[in-house]
Amino acid sequence: MICDYQTNKVYLAEGIKHYETVAHNLLLALYNEGIETEFLRRTESWKHIWARDYMPIQLTKTRFLLYRYAPDYLKGYEDYIPPYQTICRGLRLKVKETPLIIDGGNVVKFNNCVVMTDKVLKENPGYTEGYIRKQLEEAFGCEVVLIPWDRYEMFGHADGMVRAIGDYYILMNNYCDFDKDLQKSLKDALSGRFSIAELHYDVPRPSRLSWAYLNFLQVNNCIFVPGLGVREDEKAIEQLQEYYPHHKVILIPGCQELVKEGGALNCVSWNILGNLQEKPKEEA
């Protein structure tokens, strides 16, 4: 499994250009860190600001997992889904396929396992949990750890709930600030497998957007954190630098409007380990 800290190249959906401040600040930060960045073709629409959810999961340097992207929250809104299979063909990716419905935002990768919310069970009705687990583990080639879905958000994405620090060390979002029941449920699901760290904002009423700090973009030894223009920005950077001491933690200002749409920097990006000497050929 290729983890985020091993990646060296970023793809963005062209739709992010409709959020000019975020696009400018993120592209500038990536350029300053020498990270190669390209736009995915056929994603020009303002409806196509996200990239993570439909792009395949990188398993090895040359092998990707292509899944069905048909989440329940986009039923009736299929025009928000770009032609991801055509995009993948244009990039000449070598893929293995699974018939399961998976959402890329619901996949948090470790070297030796994957963490997902149990919304993946709801997205694949008609199958038992045991069958879905078996298919997922065969597809990913590693253990799959399921955590409870945060029912206050419809997407069921794990990448706004937990992130990898190390193979057996996980960072959990600041549920201690606003949902202690979910905090306990997550700890119960994770404690047998991981040591757990938690974000926390010691202010009377943390911003309702503070969940987004954990939805950072991690590329190689850089972590790009969405800036919200609130007092928690500084504390988020401080904590993330503490948990990732060997990374450069960089605030990307002006992400408020993007975050209000339900996603942040991990959602708008697709980062891979690529051969930077050979650019893939694309279809005309």
Protein backbone atom coordinates (compact mmCIF):
# COMPACT_ATOMS: atom_id res chain seq x y z
CA MET A 1 0.00 0.00 0.00
CA ILE A 2 1.40 3.40 -1.01
CA CYS A 3 0.88 5.82 1.87
CA ASP A 4 0.57 9.59 1.61
CA TYR A 5 4.06 10.25 2.98
CA GLN A 6 5.48 8.20 0.10
CA THR A 7 3.77 10.24 -2.63
CA ASN A 8 5.47 12.88 -4.77
CA LYS A 9 2.88 14.10 -7.27
CA VAL A 10 -0.52 15.78 -6.97
CA TYR A 11 -3.46 15.90 -9.34
CA LEU A 12 -6.28 18.40 -8.87
CA ALA A 13 -9.66 18.62 -10.53
CA GLU A 14 -9.86 21.67 -12.77
CA GLY A 15 -13.10 22.63 -11.06
CA ILE A 16 -11.06 23.86 -8.09
CA LYS A 17 -10.20 26.90 -10.23
CA HIS A 18 -13.71 28.14 -9.49
CA TYR A 19 -12.44 28.69 -5.93
CA GLU A 20 -9.75 31.13 -6.99
CA THR A 21 -8.26 31.87 -3.56
CA VAL A 22 -7.84 28.23 -2.59
CA ALA A 23 -6.53 27.26 -6.03
CA HIS A 24 -3.97 30.07 -6.06
CA ASN A 25 -2.74 29.50 -2.52
CA LEU A 26 -2.54 25.71 -2.83
CA LEU A 27 -0.82 25.77 -6.21
CA LEU A 28 1.68 28.34 -4.96
CA ALA A 29 2.48 26.25 -1.87
CA LEU A 30 2.92 23.07 -3.94
CA TYR A 31 5.19 24.94 -6.37
CA ASN A 32 7.27 26.38 -3.53
CA GLU A 33 7.86 22.86 -2.18
CA GLY A 34 8.81 21.52 -5.60
CA ILE A 35 5.85 19.15 -5.81
CA GLU A 36 4.77 18.33 -9.36
CA THR A 37 1.10 19.15 -9.89
CA GLU A 38 -1.25 18.51 -12.81
CA PHE A 39 -4.96 18.90 -13.49
CA LEU A 40 -7.21 15.97 -14.32
CA ARG A 41 -8.80 16.22 -17.75
CA ARG A 42 -12.59 16.35 -18.13
CA THR A 43 -13.06 18.01 -14.73
CA GLU A 44 -13.58 21.61 -15.86
CA SER A 45 -17.13 21.98 -14.50
CA TRP A 46 -17.82 23.94 -11.33
CA LYS A 47 -19.48 20.71 -10.17
CA HIS A 48 -16.16 18.88 -10.31
CA ILE A 49 -14.14 20.50 -7.53
CA TRP A 50 -13.27 17.20 -5.82
CA ALA A 51 -10.73 14.59 -6.95
CA ARG A 52 -10.16 12.14 -4.08
CA ASP A 53 -13.51 10.40 -4.07
CA TYR A 54 -13.51 8.80 -7.51
CA MET A 55 -9.83 8.36 -8.36
CA PRO A 56 -8.32 4.89 -7.79
CA ILE A 57 -6.36 3.81 -4.73
CA GLN A 58 -2.64 3.32 -5.34
CA LEU A 59 -1.61 -0.13 -4.10
CA THR A 60 1.94 -0.30 -5.49
CA LYS A 61 4.02 2.02 -7.63
CA THR A 62 2.45 0.59 -10.78
CA ARG A 63 -0.90 -0.83 -9.62
CA PHE A 64 -4.14 0.93 -8.71
CA LEU A 65 -7.52 -0.22 -7.41
CA LEU A 66 -10.46 1.02 -9.50
CA TYR A 67 -13.85 0.77 -7.78
CA ARG A 68 -17.42 1.80 -8.48
CA TYR A 69 -18.04 5.39 -7.44
CA ALA A 70 -21.79 5.68 -7.00
CA PRO A 71 -22.39 7.12 -3.51
CA ASP A 72 -25.93 7.42 -2.20
CA TYR A 73 -25.47 11.15 -1.55
CA LEU A 74 -25.17 11.75 -5.32
CA LYS A 75 -28.21 9.77 -6.39
CA GLY A 76 -30.07 12.12 -8.72
CA TYR A 77 -26.96 14.30 -9.01
CA GLU A 78 -24.83 12.06 -11.21
CA ASP A 79 -23.61 15.07 -13.22
CA TYR A 80 -21.38 15.81 -10.22
CA ILE A 81 -19.42 12.65 -11.06
CA PRO A 82 -16.85 13.20 -13.82
CA PRO A 83 -16.06 10.36 -16.28
CA TYR A 84 -13.49 8.85 -13.94
CA GLN A 85 -13.02 5.64 -15.88
CA THR A 86 -12.13 7.67 -18.99
CA ILE A 87 -9.81 9.84 -16.89
CA CYS A 88 -8.01 6.73 -15.64
CA ARG A 89 -7.67 5.35 -19.16
CA GLY A 90 -6.20 8.65 -20.28
CA LEU A 91 -3.55 8.39 -17.57
CA ARG A 92 -2.68 4.86 -18.76
CA LEU A 93 -3.05 3.48 -15.24
CA LYS A 94 -2.69 -0.23 -14.59
CA VAL A 95 -5.74 -1.09 -12.53
CA LYS A 96 -7.33 -4.01 -10.81
CA GLU A 97 -11.08 -3.64 -10.41
CA THR A 98 -13.60 -4.42 -7.71
CA PRO A 99 -17.38 -4.32 -8.20
CA LEU A 100 -17.85 -2.84 -4.73
CA ILE A 101 -19.02 0.75 -4.32
CA ILE A 102 -16.22 2.60 -2.53
CA ASP A 103 -15.59 6.28 -1.90
CA GLY A 104 -11.96 7.42 -1.99
CA GLY A 105 -12.60 9.85 0.85
CA ASN A 106 -13.50 6.85 2.97
CA VAL A 107 -10.07 5.23 2.64
CA VAL A 108 -7.31 6.13 5.10
CA LYS A 109 -4.17 4.21 4.20
CA PHE A 110 -1.49 2.71 6.41
CA ASN A 111 1.37 0.47 5.28
CA ASN A 112 -0.37 -2.61 6.59
CA CYS A 113 -4.07 -1.77 6.75
CA VAL A 114 -6.87 0.52 5.62
CA VAL A 115 -9.32 2.35 7.89
CA MET A 116 -12.84 3.01 6.57
CA THR A 117 -16.16 3.97 8.11
CA ASP A 118 -18.90 1.39 8.19
CA LYS A 119 -20.85 3.44 5.65
CA VAL A 120 -19.23 1.14 3.07
CA LEU A 121 -21.64 -1.53 4.34
CA LYS A 122 -24.65 0.71 3.61
CA GLU A 123 -23.29 1.53 0.14
CA ASN A 124 -23.20 -2.17 -0.76
CA PRO A 125 -26.63 -3.54 0.25
CA GLY A 126 -27.45 -7.16 -0.30
CA TYR A 127 -24.10 -8.38 0.98
CA THR A 128 -23.20 -9.45 4.50
CA GLU A 129 -20.60 -7.55 6.49
CA GLY A 130 -18.35 -10.59 6.39
CA TYR A 131 -18.54 -10.78 2.59
CA ILE A 132 -17.84 -7.07 2.16
CA ARG A 133 -14.89 -7.22 4.54
CA LYS A 134 -13.46 -10.20 2.66
CA GLN A 135 -13.85 -8.48 -0.71
CA LEU A 136 -12.29 -5.27 0.60
CA GLU A 137 -9.31 -7.07 2.08
CA GLU A 138 -8.76 -9.01 -1.13
CA ALA A 139 -9.02 -5.79 -3.16
CA PHE A 140 -6.63 -3.81 -0.93
CA GLY A 141 -4.37 -6.73 -0.12
CA CYS A 142 -4.36 -5.86 3.59
CA GLU A 143 -6.46 -5.73 6.75
CA VAL A 144 -9.49 -3.42 6.77
CA VAL A 145 -10.48 -1.72 10.04
CA LEU A 146 -14.04 -0.39 10.15
CA ILE A 147 -14.98 2.54 12.38
CA PRO A 148 -18.44 3.97 13.13
CA TRP A 149 -19.77 6.48 10.63
CA ASP A 150 -20.33 10.02 11.90
CA ARG A 151 -24.05 10.29 11.18
CA TYR A 152 -23.94 14.09 11.35
CA GLU A 153 -22.26 14.13 7.93
CA MET A 154 -23.82 12.35 4.97
CA PHE A 155 -20.66 11.41 3.14
CA GLY A 156 -19.33 8.80 5.55
CA HIS A 157 -15.72 9.75 4.84
CA ALA A 158 -12.98 8.49 7.15
CA ASP A 159 -10.46 11.13 6.03
CA GLY A 160 -12.20 13.80 8.11
CA MET A 161 -12.26 11.54 11.17
CA VAL A 162 -8.84 9.91 11.45
CA ARG A 163 -5.43 10.07 9.75
CA ALA A 164 -2.32 7.93 9.91
CA ILE A 165 0.65 9.03 12.00
CA GLY A 166 2.46 5.68 11.83
CA ASP A 167 1.63 2.03 11.19
CA TYR A 168 0.18 1.67 14.69
CA TYR A 169 -0.42 5.30 15.58
CA ILE A 170 -3.54 7.20 14.52
CA LEU A 171 -4.71 10.81 14.87
CA MET A 172 -8.39 11.35 15.65
CA ASN A 173 -10.33 14.55 15.06
CA ASN A 174 -11.49 16.78 17.90
CA TYR A 175 -14.60 14.82 18.88
CA CYS A 176 -13.62 15.50 22.49
CA ASP A 177 -14.77 19.08 21.83
CA PHE A 178 -18.25 18.32 20.55
CA ASP A 179 -19.26 14.63 20.47
CA LYS A 180 -17.98 12.53 23.36
CA ASP A 181 -20.23 9.58 22.46
CA LEU A 182 -18.65 9.31 19.02
CA GLN A 183 -15.23 9.86 20.57
CA LYS A 184 -15.79 6.82 22.80
CA SER A 185 -17.14 4.68 19.93
CA LEU A 186 -14.11 5.50 17.80
CA LYS A 187 -11.72 4.72 20.62
CA ASP A 188 -13.47 1.40 21.20
CA ALA A 189 -13.08 0.53 17.49
CA LEU A 190 -9.45 1.64 17.23
CA SER A 191 -7.78 1.00 20.58
CA GLY A 192 -7.11 -2.69 19.97
CA ARG A 193 -5.13 -1.83 16.83
CA PHE A 194 -3.66 1.65 17.32
CA SER A 195 -2.25 4.08 19.82
CA ILE A 196 -4.55 7.10 19.57
CA ALA A 197 -3.79 10.83 19.57
CA GLU A 198 -6.54 13.45 19.44
CA LEU A 199 -6.82 17.00 18.20
CA HIS A 200 -8.29 19.44 20.70
CA TYR A 201 -9.05 23.16 20.66
CA ASP A 202 -9.09 24.69 24.12
CA VAL A 203 -11.58 27.46 23.37
CA PRO A 204 -15.13 27.97 24.69
CA ARG A 205 -16.84 27.20 21.37
CA PRO A 206 -14.64 25.68 18.65
CA SER A 207 -15.50 26.67 15.09
CA ARG A 208 -18.00 24.34 13.45
CA LEU A 209 -15.49 24.10 10.58
CA SER A 210 -12.64 22.89 12.79
CA TRP A 211 -13.12 19.30 11.59
CA ALA A 212 -11.45 20.36 8.32
CA TYR A 213 -7.93 20.69 9.74
CA LEU A 214 -7.60 16.89 9.74
CA ASN A 215 -8.58 16.80 6.07
CA PHE A 216 -5.08 17.96 5.16
CA LEU A 217 -3.11 17.02 2.06
CA GLN A 218 0.03 15.03 2.89
CA VAL A 219 2.66 14.71 0.16
CA ASN A 220 6.06 13.29 0.98
CA ASN A 221 7.31 15.27 4.00
CA CYS A 222 4.84 18.17 3.59
CA ILE A 223 1.40 18.58 5.15
CA PHE A 224 -0.86 21.25 3.65
CA VAL A 225 -3.53 22.33 6.14
CA PRO A 226 -6.71 24.27 5.26
CA GLY A 227 -6.72 27.72 6.81
CA LEU A 228 -10.12 28.87 8.04
CA GLY A 229 -9.30 32.39 9.21
CA VAL A 230 -10.30 31.58 12.81
CA ARG A 231 -8.41 31.42 16.09
CA GLU A 232 -8.04 27.64 15.83
CA ASP A 233 -5.75 27.95 12.77
CA GLU A 234 -2.64 28.53 14.86
CA LYS A 235 -3.48 25.75 17.33
CA ALA A 236 -4.15 23.29 14.49
CA ILE A 237 -0.73 23.97 12.94
CA GLU A 238 0.94 23.67 16.35
CA GLN A 239 -0.67 20.31 17.11
CA LEU A 240 -0.08 18.83 13.65
CA GLN A 241 3.58 19.85 13.78
CA GLU A 242 3.84 18.08 17.13
CA TYR A 243 2.29 14.86 15.79
CA TYR A 244 4.27 15.00 12.53
CA PRO A 245 7.68 16.29 13.69
CA HIS A 246 9.49 15.18 10.53
CA HIS A 247 7.08 17.03 8.25
CA LYS A 248 6.82 20.65 7.18
CA VAL A 249 3.30 21.75 8.14
CA ILE A 250 2.01 24.54 5.88
CA LEU A 251 -1.20 26.56 6.31
CA ILE A 252 -3.15 27.25 3.11
CA PRO A 253 -5.15 30.45 3.77
CA GLY A 254 -8.63 31.13 2.50
CA CYS A 255 -10.22 27.67 2.55
CA GLN A 256 -13.42 28.70 4.35
CA GLU A 257 -15.75 28.66 1.36
CA LEU A 258 -14.43 25.32 0.16
CA VAL A 259 -14.88 23.75 3.60
CA LYS A 260 -18.47 25.01 3.74
CA GLU A 261 -19.11 22.80 0.69
CA GLY A 262 -18.23 19.75 2.80
CA GLY A 263 -14.59 19.04 1.95
CA ALA A 264 -11.07 20.33 2.30
CA LEU A 265 -7.60 19.80 0.85
CA ASN A 266 -7.49 16.01 0.90
CA CYS A 267 -10.85 15.98 -0.89
CA VAL A 268 -9.76 18.25 -3.77
CA SER A 269 -6.54 16.34 -4.44
CA TRP A 270 -5.27 12.95 -5.60
CA ASN A 271 -1.65 12.31 -4.67
CA ILE A 272 0.40 9.39 -5.93
CA LEU A 273 3.91 7.99 -6.09
CA GLY A 274 4.78 8.57 -9.72
CA ASN A 275 7.77 8.40 -12.01
CA LEU A 276 8.49 12.08 -12.45
CA GLN A 277 10.78 11.40 -15.39
CA GLU A 278 8.00 9.93 -17.52
CA LYS A 279 4.74 11.81 -17.92
CA PRO A 280 1.81 9.54 -18.84
CA LYS A 281 0.28 9.95 -22.26
CA GLU A 282 -3.33 11.09 -22.31
CA GLU A 283 -6.12 10.42 -24.75
CA ALA A 284 -6.99 13.10 -27.23
